[in-house]
Amino acid sequence: MSGNLWMLFKGITEQSAQQIATVLARNGNSYDVQVLGGGISVATSSVAYVVGDKVFVRDGQIVSQAPNLTYVEIDI
């Protein structure tokens, strides 16, 4: 194995968070999406999605379609 072990580890762990979002609107390759926390942002994708689709978003890019499951939050 060559290279700095810390840099290899850092490369694995420094990915940004992937969030689940709902498509609100489409404008070409640009989409308005709402993440579960309620924030709205703009994401891009070369794949076509329709309003209401659940998607995975990372760094302003739609990664893929997410399963359309019911979100449940339980307070403990």
Protein backbone atom coordinates (compact mmCIF):
# COMPACT_ATOMS: atom_id res chain seq x y z
CA MET A 1 0.00 0.00 0.00
CA SER A 2 1.49 3.31 -0.98
CA GLY A 3 0.56 6.80 0.15
CA ASN A 4 -0.24 8.47 3.38
CA LEU A 5 -2.72 6.41 5.42
CA TRP A 6 -4.30 9.53 6.89
CA MET A 7 -4.99 10.93 3.40
CA LEU A 8 -6.53 7.60 2.32
CA PHE A 9 -8.77 7.56 5.42
CA LYS A 10 -9.68 11.23 4.93
CA GLY A 11 -10.71 10.53 1.33
CA ILE A 12 -13.13 7.86 2.51
CA THR A 13 -14.72 9.85 5.32
CA GLU A 14 -15.00 13.37 3.86
CA GLN A 15 -18.07 12.81 1.75
CA SER A 16 -20.83 15.29 2.36
CA ALA A 17 -24.15 14.17 3.77
CA GLN A 18 -26.73 12.65 1.48
CA GLN A 19 -30.24 13.91 2.20
CA ILE A 20 -33.70 12.76 1.21
CA ALA A 21 -35.74 15.44 -0.54
CA THR A 22 -39.02 15.85 -2.38
CA VAL A 23 -39.09 17.43 -5.85
CA LEU A 24 -41.21 20.60 -5.76
CA ALA A 25 -40.61 21.99 -9.27
CA ARG A 26 -38.59 21.33 -12.41
CA ASN A 27 -36.91 23.82 -14.72
CA GLY A 28 -34.90 21.93 -17.34
CA ASN A 29 -32.10 20.09 -15.51
CA SER A 30 -32.65 22.18 -12.36
CA TYR A 31 -35.02 21.11 -9.60
CA ASP A 32 -36.42 22.85 -6.51
CA VAL A 33 -36.32 20.26 -3.73
CA GLN A 34 -37.44 20.28 -0.11
CA VAL A 35 -35.36 18.28 2.36
CA LEU A 36 -36.97 16.51 5.32
CA GLY A 37 -36.01 19.31 7.73
CA GLY A 38 -38.08 21.75 5.68
CA GLY A 39 -35.35 23.63 3.83
CA ILE A 40 -35.71 24.28 0.11
CA SER A 41 -32.74 24.18 -2.24
CA VAL A 42 -31.91 23.85 -5.92
CA ALA A 43 -30.39 20.62 -7.25
CA THR A 44 -29.45 19.48 -10.74
CA SER A 45 -29.75 16.16 -12.53
CA SER A 46 -29.48 14.81 -16.05
CA VAL A 47 -32.25 12.32 -15.22
CA ALA A 48 -35.87 13.50 -15.42
CA TYR A 49 -37.94 13.52 -12.22
CA VAL A 50 -41.51 14.67 -11.67
CA VAL A 51 -43.01 16.79 -8.91
CA GLY A 52 -43.56 14.68 -5.79
CA ASP A 53 -40.70 12.24 -6.43
CA LYS A 54 -38.46 11.44 -3.47
CA VAL A 55 -34.75 11.77 -4.32
CA PHE A 56 -31.33 11.54 -2.68
CA VAL A 57 -29.42 14.87 -2.86
CA ARG A 58 -25.70 15.47 -2.22
CA ASP A 59 -23.76 18.69 -2.93
CA GLY A 60 -26.52 20.19 -5.08
CA GLN A 61 -26.79 17.08 -7.27
CA ILE A 62 -29.64 14.58 -7.32
CA VAL A 63 -27.88 11.25 -6.83
CA SER A 64 -30.80 8.89 -7.43
CA GLN A 65 -34.47 8.30 -6.74
CA ALA A 66 -35.33 7.42 -3.14
CA PRO A 67 -38.03 4.98 -2.06
CA ASN A 68 -41.38 6.66 -1.45
CA LEU A 69 -41.78 5.69 2.20
CA THR A 70 -43.62 7.43 4.99
CA TYR A 71 -41.34 9.47 7.28
CA VAL A 72 -41.96 8.89 10.98
CA GLU A 73 -40.20 10.74 13.79
CA ILE A 74 -40.42 9.30 17.29
CA ASP A 75 -39.51 11.34 20.37
CA ILE A 76 -37.89 9.36 23.15
